[in-house]
Structures are given as structure tokens and as C-alpha cells.
Amino acid sequence: MALTPLDIQHKEFPRKAFRGYDPDAVDQFLNEVIEEFERLIRENSELRHRLEAMDEKLQQYRKLEETLQKTLVAAQEAAEEMKANARKEADLIVEQARLEAQRIVSSAHAKVRETLEANADLFQACQTLRMQVRSLLAAQLQAIDQLPDPLSSEKARVALEELPGTKNSAAALE
């Protein structure tokens, strides 16, 4: 059974006729014990309330810590997911760009082939025309070379010399 200040206050001691205690000294001591006991009970109660308040705060902080941990983990997971998605998107963009570049290059090659094929007959016609023009020029040069030189004959020289102011012209022909 717990001892209370009231128990102490109502405690009666048996009295001995001879050698008994001084009742005033015992009462004074009991009063001091009661006051100290009451102070200790109040202090204990106050400490208990403070402890309960601290426990409540501790629980709140633990809940807050748990929430922060969960939030941090969720944020890290979200960041990792965002990184992974960004990598996938970047890879997809690069792959699409590569495919588009291949398509453009293939298209350009096809257009070059088409242009070369379409112009092949023009190249052939150009080569044929060049050969025809060369043949024609060669024939014309041959025809010119076969013509007699009208100034090489003796009659033409004499006629030129007889013309006034043409002495130098006849000398120039030689």
C-alpha cells in the first residue's frame, strides 16, 4: 500500500509512559515529512505530466520522421522514374532521328539514281552530238584543206602587184 501525506498526518504512535517521545518534536518532524512528501508528490506529478507531454511530442516527431522518410523515398522513386522516362524518351528521339536520317539519305540516293537514269539518254545524246559535231568539223576542215589556194597561183600574184599600193601586200603573201 502506498503511503500518502494524509497517512503520515494521521499516524498515531503509541505512547510510553517512561521514555516516550516528545509529542511536539514528533509532530514537528511529521509536519516536515508531510511537507516534503507533498512537495515530492507534486514534483513527481509534474514530472509525470512533462514526461507524458514529451512522449506525445516524441510520438509526433516519430510520425513526422516516418512521413518524411516515406516522402523522401517517394521523391527518390519519382526522380528515378523521371530519369528512366527521360532516358527512354531521349533514346526514342535519337532512334527516330536516326531512322529519319536514313530515310532522307535513302530518298536522296533514290533521287540521284532517278536523275541519272532520266538524264542517261541526255548524256548519250550529248556524247552522240559531240561526236557528230567533231565529225562535221573534221569533214569541214578536210574540205577546206582540199580547196585550192586562190592566192598561191602566179596570176593572182601578178594581179596583186599591179594594183596601186599593194607592193607590200604581194610581199606579205610570200
N, C-alpha and C. Protein backbone atom coordinates (compact mmCIF):
# COMPACT_ATOMS: atom_id res chain seq x y z
N MET A 1 0.84 -1.17 0.00
CA MET A 1 0.00 0.00 0.00
C MET A 1 0.89 1.24 0.00
N ALA A 2 0.51 2.21 -0.86
CA ALA A 2 1.31 3.42 -0.99
C ALA A 2 1.02 4.35 0.17
N LEU A 3 2.04 5.00 0.64
CA LEU A 3 1.96 5.91 1.79
C LEU A 3 1.67 7.31 1.25
N THR A 4 0.67 7.97 1.81
CA THR A 4 0.30 9.32 1.38
C THR A 4 0.60 10.30 2.51
N PRO A 5 0.63 11.60 2.21
CA PRO A 5 0.84 12.59 3.26
C PRO A 5 -0.26 12.54 4.32
N LEU A 6 -1.46 12.21 3.91
CA LEU A 6 -2.58 12.11 4.85
C LEU A 6 -2.33 10.95 5.82
N ASP A 7 -1.79 9.84 5.31
CA ASP A 7 -1.46 8.70 6.17
C ASP A 7 -0.44 9.11 7.23
N ILE A 8 0.52 9.88 6.76
CA ILE A 8 1.56 10.33 7.70
C ILE A 8 0.94 11.25 8.75
N GLN A 9 0.07 12.16 8.28
CA GLN A 9 -0.53 13.13 9.20
C GLN A 9 -1.39 12.43 10.25
N HIS A 10 -2.09 11.40 9.94
CA HIS A 10 -2.98 10.74 10.89
C HIS A 10 -2.33 9.57 11.63
N LYS A 11 -1.10 9.40 11.38
CA LYS A 11 -0.39 8.31 12.05
C LYS A 11 -0.30 8.62 13.54
N GLU A 12 -0.68 7.67 14.29
CA GLU A 12 -0.62 7.80 15.76
C GLU A 12 0.43 6.81 16.25
N PHE A 13 1.26 7.30 17.10
CA PHE A 13 2.28 6.45 17.70
C PHE A 13 1.85 6.08 19.11
N PRO A 14 2.10 4.89 19.48
CA PRO A 14 1.75 4.54 20.87
C PRO A 14 2.66 5.30 21.82
N ARG A 15 2.12 5.67 22.92
CA ARG A 15 2.88 6.46 23.89
C ARG A 15 3.35 5.54 25.02
N LYS A 16 4.56 5.79 25.38
CA LYS A 16 5.11 5.03 26.51
C LYS A 16 5.20 5.99 27.69
N ALA A 17 4.94 5.51 28.80
CA ALA A 17 4.93 6.36 29.99
C ALA A 17 6.31 6.86 30.31
N PHE A 18 7.20 5.99 30.31
CA PHE A 18 8.56 6.44 30.63
C PHE A 18 9.31 6.58 29.31
N ARG A 19 10.08 7.02 29.07
CA ARG A 19 10.92 7.12 27.89
C ARG A 19 10.11 7.31 26.61
N GLY A 20 9.10 7.94 26.57
CA GLY A 20 8.32 8.20 25.36
C GLY A 20 8.93 9.34 24.55
N TYR A 21 8.39 9.52 23.38
CA TYR A 21 8.88 10.59 22.51
C TYR A 21 8.22 11.87 22.90
N ASP A 22 8.91 12.96 22.59
CA ASP A 22 8.33 14.28 22.81
C ASP A 22 7.29 14.46 21.72
N PRO A 23 6.03 14.58 22.09
CA PRO A 23 4.98 14.66 21.06
C PRO A 23 5.15 15.88 20.17
N ASP A 24 5.60 17.01 20.65
CA ASP A 24 5.77 18.20 19.81
C ASP A 24 6.88 17.98 18.78
N ALA A 25 7.98 17.34 19.18
CA ALA A 25 9.09 17.09 18.27
C ALA A 25 8.66 16.11 17.19
N VAL A 26 7.90 15.08 17.61
CA VAL A 26 7.43 14.09 16.63
C VAL A 26 6.47 14.77 15.67
N ASP A 27 5.55 15.61 16.22
CA ASP A 27 4.58 16.30 15.35
C ASP A 27 5.29 17.25 14.39
N GLN A 28 6.29 17.96 14.90
CA GLN A 28 7.03 18.88 14.03
C GLN A 28 7.75 18.11 12.94
N PHE A 29 8.37 17.00 13.32
CA PHE A 29 9.08 16.19 12.33
C PHE A 29 8.10 15.62 11.30
N LEU A 30 6.95 15.14 11.79
CA LEU A 30 5.95 14.60 10.88
C LEU A 30 5.44 15.68 9.93
N ASN A 31 5.28 16.90 10.44
CA ASN A 31 4.86 18.00 9.57
C ASN A 31 5.91 18.27 8.47
N GLU A 32 7.18 18.22 8.83
CA GLU A 32 8.24 18.40 7.84
C GLU A 32 8.22 17.28 6.81
N VAL A 33 8.03 16.05 7.31
CA VAL A 33 7.96 14.89 6.40
C VAL A 33 6.76 15.04 5.47
N ILE A 34 5.61 15.49 6.03
CA ILE A 34 4.40 15.67 5.22
C ILE A 34 4.65 16.71 4.13
N GLU A 35 5.23 17.85 4.52
CA GLU A 35 5.50 18.91 3.54
C GLU A 35 6.45 18.41 2.44
N GLU A 36 7.50 17.74 2.85
CA GLU A 36 8.46 17.23 1.86
C GLU A 36 7.81 16.17 0.99
N PHE A 37 7.01 15.31 1.60
CA PHE A 37 6.33 14.25 0.87
C PHE A 37 5.36 14.87 -0.14
N GLU A 38 4.60 15.91 0.29
CA GLU A 38 3.68 16.58 -0.63
C GLU A 38 4.43 17.25 -1.77
N ARG A 39 5.59 17.88 -1.44
CA ARG A 39 6.39 18.51 -2.49
C ARG A 39 6.88 17.46 -3.49
N LEU A 40 7.34 16.32 -2.97
CA LEU A 40 7.82 15.26 -3.85
C LEU A 40 6.69 14.70 -4.71
N ILE A 41 5.49 14.57 -4.13
CA ILE A 41 4.34 14.07 -4.90
C ILE A 41 3.99 15.06 -6.01
N ARG A 42 3.97 16.39 -5.65
CA ARG A 42 3.68 17.41 -6.67
C ARG A 42 4.75 17.38 -7.77
N GLU A 43 6.00 17.31 -7.36
CA GLU A 43 7.10 17.28 -8.32
C GLU A 43 7.00 16.03 -9.20
N ASN A 44 6.70 14.90 -8.57
CA ASN A 44 6.55 13.65 -9.30
C ASN A 44 5.40 13.76 -10.30
N SER A 45 4.29 14.35 -9.86
CA SER A 45 3.14 14.53 -10.73
C SER A 45 3.49 15.45 -11.90
N GLU A 46 4.16 16.55 -11.56
CA GLU A 46 4.57 17.49 -12.61
C GLU A 46 5.51 16.82 -13.61
N LEU A 47 6.47 16.05 -13.09
CA LEU A 47 7.40 15.33 -13.96
C LEU A 47 6.67 14.30 -14.82
N ARG A 48 5.68 13.64 -14.22
CA ARG A 48 4.89 12.66 -14.96
C ARG A 48 4.15 13.35 -16.12
N HIS A 49 3.55 14.54 -15.83
CA HIS A 49 2.86 15.29 -16.89
C HIS A 49 3.83 15.72 -17.99
N ARG A 50 4.99 16.18 -17.55
CA ARG A 50 6.00 16.59 -18.53
C ARG A 50 6.46 15.40 -19.37
N LEU A 51 6.63 14.26 -18.70
CA LEU A 51 7.03 13.04 -19.41
C LEU A 51 5.97 12.64 -20.43
N GLU A 52 4.70 12.69 -20.02
CA GLU A 52 3.62 12.37 -20.95
C GLU A 52 3.62 13.33 -22.13
N ALA A 53 3.82 14.65 -21.86
CA ALA A 53 3.88 15.64 -22.94
C ALA A 53 5.05 15.35 -23.87
N MET A 54 6.20 15.00 -23.26
CA MET A 54 7.38 14.67 -24.06
C MET A 54 7.14 13.42 -24.89
N ASP A 55 6.46 12.42 -24.29
CA ASP A 55 6.13 11.19 -25.03
C ASP A 55 5.23 11.51 -26.22
N GLU A 56 4.24 12.39 -25.99
CA GLU A 56 3.35 12.78 -27.08
C GLU A 56 4.13 13.48 -28.19
N LYS A 57 5.01 14.40 -27.79
CA LYS A 57 5.83 15.09 -28.78
C LYS A 57 6.74 14.11 -29.51
N LEU A 58 7.31 13.18 -28.75
CA LEU A 58 8.18 12.17 -29.35
C LEU A 58 7.40 11.36 -30.38
N GLN A 59 6.17 10.97 -30.05
CA GLN A 59 5.34 10.23 -30.99
C GLN A 59 5.05 11.07 -32.23
N GLN A 60 4.78 12.35 -32.01
CA GLN A 60 4.53 13.24 -33.15
C GLN A 60 5.77 13.33 -34.03
N TYR A 61 6.93 13.48 -33.38
CA TYR A 61 8.17 13.57 -34.16
C TYR A 61 8.46 12.26 -34.90
N ARG A 62 8.16 11.14 -34.26
CA ARG A 62 8.37 9.84 -34.93
C ARG A 62 7.45 9.71 -36.13
N LYS A 63 6.19 10.13 -35.95
CA LYS A 63 5.26 10.10 -37.08
C LYS A 63 5.73 11.03 -38.19
N LEU A 64 6.21 12.22 -37.79
CA LEU A 64 6.72 13.17 -38.77
C LEU A 64 7.94 12.60 -39.48
N GLU A 65 8.83 11.97 -38.71
CA GLU A 65 10.01 11.36 -39.31
C GLU A 65 9.61 10.26 -40.29
N GLU A 66 8.65 9.43 -39.90
CA GLU A 66 8.18 8.37 -40.76
C GLU A 66 7.58 8.94 -42.04
N THR A 67 6.79 10.00 -41.87
CA THR A 67 6.19 10.65 -43.04
C THR A 67 7.27 11.22 -43.95
N LEU A 68 8.27 11.87 -43.33
CA LEU A 68 9.36 12.43 -44.12
C LEU A 68 10.15 11.34 -44.85
N GLN A 69 10.36 10.22 -44.15
CA GLN A 69 11.07 9.10 -44.78
C GLN A 69 10.28 8.59 -45.99
N LYS A 70 8.98 8.41 -45.78
CA LYS A 70 8.14 7.93 -46.88
C LYS A 70 8.15 8.93 -48.04
N THR A 71 8.06 10.21 -47.68
CA THR A 71 8.08 11.25 -48.71
C THR A 71 9.40 11.25 -49.46
N LEU A 72 10.49 11.12 -48.71
CA LEU A 72 11.81 11.09 -49.33
C LEU A 72 11.95 9.89 -50.26
N VAL A 73 11.50 8.74 -49.80
CA VAL A 73 11.57 7.53 -50.64
C VAL A 73 10.71 7.72 -51.89
N ALA A 74 9.52 8.27 -51.70
CA ALA A 74 8.64 8.50 -52.85
C ALA A 74 9.27 9.50 -53.82
N ALA A 75 9.90 10.53 -53.29
CA ALA A 75 10.55 11.53 -54.14
C ALA A 75 11.73 10.90 -54.90
N GLN A 76 12.49 10.07 -54.20
CA GLN A 76 13.61 9.39 -54.87
C GLN A 76 13.11 8.46 -55.96
N GLU A 77 12.05 7.73 -55.66
CA GLU A 77 11.49 6.82 -56.66
C GLU A 77 10.96 7.61 -57.85
N ALA A 78 10.30 8.73 -57.56
CA ALA A 78 9.77 9.57 -58.64
C ALA A 78 10.91 10.13 -59.48
N ALA A 79 11.99 10.55 -58.82
CA ALA A 79 13.14 11.08 -59.56
C ALA A 79 13.76 10.00 -60.44
N GLU A 80 13.91 8.81 -59.90
CA GLU A 80 14.46 7.70 -60.68
C GLU A 80 13.55 7.37 -61.86
N GLU A 81 12.27 7.36 -61.60
CA GLU A 81 11.31 7.08 -62.67
C GLU A 81 11.38 8.16 -63.75
N MET A 82 11.51 9.41 -63.31
CA MET A 82 11.61 10.51 -64.27
C MET A 82 12.89 10.39 -65.09
N LYS A 83 13.99 10.01 -64.43
CA LYS A 83 15.25 9.82 -65.15
C LYS A 83 15.10 8.70 -66.18
N ALA A 84 14.52 7.59 -65.75
CA ALA A 84 14.34 6.46 -66.66
C ALA A 84 13.46 6.85 -67.84
N ASN A 85 12.38 7.57 -67.55
CA ASN A 85 11.49 8.01 -68.63
C ASN A 85 12.21 8.98 -69.56
N ALA A 86 13.01 9.86 -69.00
CA ALA A 86 13.76 10.82 -69.83
C ALA A 86 14.76 10.07 -70.71
N ARG A 87 15.42 9.06 -70.13
CA ARG A 87 16.37 8.26 -70.93
C ARG A 87 15.64 7.54 -72.07
N LYS A 88 14.50 6.94 -71.74
CA LYS A 88 13.72 6.23 -72.77
C LYS A 88 13.28 7.20 -73.86
N GLU A 89 12.81 8.37 -73.44
CA GLU A 89 12.35 9.36 -74.41
C GLU A 89 13.50 9.84 -75.28
N ALA A 90 14.67 10.07 -74.65
CA ALA A 90 15.84 10.50 -75.41
C ALA A 90 16.27 9.42 -76.40
N ASP A 91 16.26 8.17 -75.95
CA ASP A 91 16.61 7.06 -76.84
C ASP A 91 15.63 6.98 -78.00
N LEU A 92 14.37 7.16 -77.71
CA LEU A 92 13.34 7.12 -78.75
C LEU A 92 13.55 8.25 -79.75
N ILE A 93 13.84 9.45 -79.25
CA ILE A 93 14.07 10.60 -80.13
C ILE A 93 15.30 10.35 -81.01
N VAL A 94 16.37 9.82 -80.40
CA VAL A 94 17.58 9.54 -81.16
C VAL A 94 17.29 8.48 -82.23
N GLU A 95 16.56 7.46 -81.86
CA GLU A 95 16.23 6.40 -82.83
C GLU A 95 15.37 6.95 -83.96
N GLN A 96 14.38 7.78 -83.62
CA GLN A 96 13.54 8.39 -84.65
C GLN A 96 14.37 9.28 -85.57
N ALA A 97 15.30 10.04 -84.97
CA ALA A 97 16.16 10.91 -85.78
C ALA A 97 17.05 10.07 -86.70
N ARG A 98 17.58 8.96 -86.16
CA ARG A 98 18.42 8.09 -86.98
C ARG A 98 17.62 7.51 -88.14
N LEU A 99 16.41 7.04 -87.85
CA LEU A 99 15.56 6.48 -88.91
C LEU A 99 15.19 7.55 -89.94
N GLU A 100 14.90 8.75 -89.46
CA GLU A 100 14.56 9.85 -90.38
C GLU A 100 15.76 10.20 -91.24
N ALA A 101 16.95 10.21 -90.64
CA ALA A 101 18.17 10.50 -91.41
C ALA A 101 18.40 9.41 -92.46
N GLN A 102 18.19 8.15 -92.10
CA GLN A 102 18.33 7.06 -93.06
C GLN A 102 17.32 7.20 -94.19
N ARG A 103 16.10 7.58 -93.82
CA ARG A 103 15.06 7.76 -94.84
C ARG A 103 15.44 8.89 -95.79
N ILE A 104 15.95 10.00 -95.23
CA ILE A 104 16.33 11.14 -96.07
C ILE A 104 17.48 10.77 -96.99
N VAL A 105 18.48 10.05 -96.44
CA VAL A 105 19.63 9.64 -97.26
C VAL A 105 19.18 8.67 -98.35
N SER A 106 18.33 7.73 -97.99
CA SER A 106 17.82 6.78 -98.99
C SER A 106 17.03 7.50 -100.06
N SER A 107 16.22 8.44 -99.64
CA SER A 107 15.43 9.23 -100.60
C SER A 107 16.35 10.02 -101.52
N ALA A 108 17.39 10.61 -100.95
CA ALA A 108 18.34 11.38 -101.77
C ALA A 108 19.05 10.47 -102.77
N HIS A 109 19.46 9.28 -102.32
CA HIS A 109 20.11 8.32 -103.23
C HIS A 109 19.15 7.92 -104.35
N ALA A 110 17.91 7.69 -103.98
CA ALA A 110 16.92 7.30 -104.99
C ALA A 110 16.73 8.44 -106.00
N LYS A 111 16.67 9.67 -105.51
CA LYS A 111 16.50 10.81 -106.43
C LYS A 111 17.71 10.96 -107.34
N VAL A 112 18.90 10.74 -106.79
CA VAL A 112 20.11 10.81 -107.62
C VAL A 112 20.06 9.74 -108.70
N ARG A 113 19.69 8.51 -108.30
CA ARG A 113 19.57 7.42 -109.28
C ARG A 113 18.54 7.76 -110.34
N GLU A 114 17.37 8.27 -109.90
CA GLU A 114 16.32 8.65 -110.85
C GLU A 114 16.82 9.73 -111.81
N THR A 115 17.51 10.72 -111.27
CA THR A 115 18.02 11.81 -112.10
C THR A 115 19.05 11.28 -113.09
N LEU A 116 19.95 10.42 -112.60
CA LEU A 116 20.95 9.85 -113.51
C LEU A 116 20.29 9.00 -114.59
N GLU A 117 19.29 8.19 -114.19
CA GLU A 117 18.59 7.36 -115.17
C GLU A 117 17.81 8.21 -116.15
N ALA A 118 17.17 9.27 -115.65
CA ALA A 118 16.38 10.14 -116.52
C ALA A 118 17.29 10.91 -117.46
N ASN A 119 18.48 11.23 -117.02
CA ASN A 119 19.40 12.01 -117.84
C ASN A 119 20.39 11.14 -118.60
N ALA A 120 20.32 9.84 -118.44
CA ALA A 120 21.25 8.95 -119.14
C ALA A 120 21.09 9.10 -120.64
N ASP A 121 19.85 9.21 -121.12
CA ASP A 121 19.64 9.39 -122.56
C ASP A 121 20.15 10.76 -123.01
N LEU A 122 20.07 11.77 -122.07
CA LEU A 122 20.61 13.09 -122.41
C LEU A 122 22.13 13.02 -122.49
N PHE A 123 22.76 12.30 -121.56
CA PHE A 123 24.21 12.14 -121.62
C PHE A 123 24.62 11.43 -122.92
N GLN A 124 23.87 10.39 -123.27
CA GLN A 124 24.15 9.65 -124.50
C GLN A 124 23.95 10.55 -125.71
N ALA A 125 22.86 11.33 -125.70
CA ALA A 125 22.59 12.25 -126.82
C ALA A 125 23.68 13.30 -126.90
N CYS A 126 24.15 13.78 -125.74
CA CYS A 126 25.23 14.77 -125.71
C CYS A 126 26.51 14.18 -126.30
N GLN A 127 26.83 12.94 -125.95
CA GLN A 127 28.04 12.29 -126.48
C GLN A 127 27.90 12.09 -127.99
N THR A 128 26.72 11.68 -128.40
CA THR A 128 26.48 11.47 -129.84
C THR A 128 26.61 12.80 -130.58
N LEU A 129 26.02 13.85 -130.03
CA LEU A 129 26.09 15.18 -130.65
C LEU A 129 27.53 15.66 -130.73
N ARG A 130 28.31 15.45 -129.67
CA ARG A 130 29.72 15.83 -129.69
C ARG A 130 30.47 15.11 -130.81
N MET A 131 30.22 13.81 -130.92
CA MET A 131 30.89 13.03 -131.98
C MET A 131 30.46 13.51 -133.35
N GLN A 132 29.18 13.83 -133.51
CA GLN A 132 28.69 14.32 -134.81
C GLN A 132 29.32 15.68 -135.16
N VAL A 133 29.37 16.57 -134.12
CA VAL A 133 29.96 17.89 -134.36
C VAL A 133 31.44 17.74 -134.69
N ARG A 134 32.17 16.87 -134.01
CA ARG A 134 33.58 16.64 -134.30
C ARG A 134 33.75 16.10 -135.73
N SER A 135 32.89 15.14 -136.07
CA SER A 135 32.97 14.58 -137.44
C SER A 135 32.69 15.66 -138.47
N LEU A 136 31.67 16.48 -138.20
CA LEU A 136 31.31 17.56 -139.13
C LEU A 136 32.46 18.56 -139.25
N LEU A 137 33.03 18.94 -138.08
CA LEU A 137 34.16 19.88 -138.11
C LEU A 137 35.36 19.27 -138.83
N ALA A 138 35.61 18.00 -138.58
CA ALA A 138 36.73 17.34 -139.26
C ALA A 138 36.49 17.30 -140.77
N ALA A 139 35.26 17.03 -141.17
CA ALA A 139 34.93 17.00 -142.61
C ALA A 139 35.08 18.38 -143.20
N GLN A 140 34.63 19.39 -142.48
CA GLN A 140 34.74 20.77 -142.98
C GLN A 140 36.20 21.18 -143.09
N LEU A 141 37.00 20.82 -142.09
CA LEU A 141 38.43 21.15 -142.16
C LEU A 141 39.10 20.43 -143.33
N GLN A 142 38.70 19.20 -143.55
CA GLN A 142 39.25 18.43 -144.66
C GLN A 142 38.84 19.07 -145.99
N ALA A 143 37.59 19.52 -146.05
CA ALA A 143 37.11 20.17 -147.27
C ALA A 143 37.84 21.48 -147.50
N ILE A 144 38.09 22.22 -146.42
CA ILE A 144 38.82 23.50 -146.55
C ILE A 144 40.24 23.23 -147.02
N ASP A 145 40.85 22.19 -146.46
CA ASP A 145 42.23 21.86 -146.86
C ASP A 145 42.31 21.43 -148.32
N GLN A 146 41.27 20.89 -148.89
CA GLN A 146 41.28 20.42 -150.28
C GLN A 146 40.98 21.55 -151.25
N LEU A 147 40.49 22.66 -150.81
CA LEU A 147 40.24 23.81 -151.70
C LEU A 147 41.58 24.37 -152.17
N PRO A 148 41.64 24.76 -153.46
CA PRO A 148 42.88 25.36 -153.95
C PRO A 148 43.03 26.75 -153.37
N ASP A 149 44.27 27.14 -153.11
CA ASP A 149 44.55 28.46 -152.56
C ASP A 149 44.52 29.45 -153.73
N PRO A 150 43.56 30.37 -153.71
CA PRO A 150 43.46 31.29 -154.85
C PRO A 150 44.64 32.26 -154.90
N LEU A 151 45.30 32.45 -153.85
CA LEU A 151 46.41 33.41 -153.84
C LEU A 151 47.75 32.75 -154.14
N SER A 152 47.77 31.47 -154.25
CA SER A 152 49.03 30.78 -154.50
C SER A 152 49.40 30.75 -155.99
N SER A 153 48.47 31.04 -156.84
CA SER A 153 48.79 31.00 -158.28
C SER A 153 49.58 32.24 -158.70
N GLU A 154 50.30 32.09 -159.79
CA GLU A 154 51.17 33.16 -160.32
C GLU A 154 50.34 34.32 -160.83
N LYS A 155 49.24 34.05 -161.41
CA LYS A 155 48.39 35.09 -161.97
C LYS A 155 47.87 35.99 -160.85
N ALA A 156 47.52 35.41 -159.78
CA ALA A 156 46.97 36.19 -158.68
C ALA A 156 48.04 37.09 -158.09
N ARG A 157 49.32 36.66 -158.11
CA ARG A 157 50.39 37.48 -157.58
C ARG A 157 50.66 38.67 -158.49
N VAL A 158 50.66 38.40 -159.70
CA VAL A 158 50.94 39.47 -160.68
C VAL A 158 49.82 40.49 -160.59
N ALA A 159 48.60 40.04 -160.52
CA ALA A 159 47.45 40.95 -160.46
C ALA A 159 47.52 41.77 -159.19
N LEU A 160 47.95 41.20 -158.16
CA LEU A 160 48.05 41.93 -156.89
C LEU A 160 49.16 42.97 -156.96
N GLU A 161 50.23 42.65 -157.62
CA GLU A 161 51.35 43.57 -157.71
C GLU A 161 51.01 44.76 -158.58
N GLU A 162 50.15 44.58 -159.56
CA GLU A 162 49.79 45.64 -160.46
C GLU A 162 48.85 46.62 -159.81
N LEU A 163 48.24 46.24 -158.81
CA LEU A 163 47.34 47.16 -158.12
C LEU A 163 48.17 48.22 -157.41
N PRO A 164 47.71 49.47 -157.51
CA PRO A 164 48.46 50.52 -156.84
C PRO A 164 48.42 50.36 -155.32
N GLY A 165 49.54 50.53 -154.64
CA GLY A 165 49.69 50.49 -153.19
C GLY A 165 49.63 49.10 -152.60
N THR A 166 49.85 48.10 -153.47
CA THR A 166 49.76 46.74 -152.99
C THR A 166 51.08 46.01 -153.05
N LYS A 167 52.21 46.72 -153.27
CA LYS A 167 53.51 46.06 -153.33
C LYS A 167 53.80 45.33 -152.04
N ASN A 168 53.51 45.97 -151.01
CA ASN A 168 53.76 45.33 -149.73
C ASN A 168 52.82 44.17 -149.52
N SER A 169 51.64 44.23 -150.13
CA SER A 169 50.68 43.13 -149.97
C SER A 169 51.21 41.90 -150.63
N ALA A 170 51.81 42.01 -151.81
CA ALA A 170 52.33 40.84 -152.50
C ALA A 170 53.52 40.28 -151.77
N ALA A 171 54.34 41.13 -151.17
CA ALA A 171 55.49 40.67 -150.41
C ALA A 171 55.02 40.00 -149.11
N ALA A 172 53.91 40.47 -148.61
CA ALA A 172 53.38 39.91 -147.37
C ALA A 172 52.83 38.53 -147.58
N LEU A 173 52.39 38.23 -148.82
CA LEU A 173 51.82 36.91 -149.13
C LEU A 173 52.89 35.85 -149.13
N GLU A 174 54.09 36.24 -149.45
CA GLU A 174 55.15 35.24 -149.52
C GLU A 174 55.59 34.86 -148.20
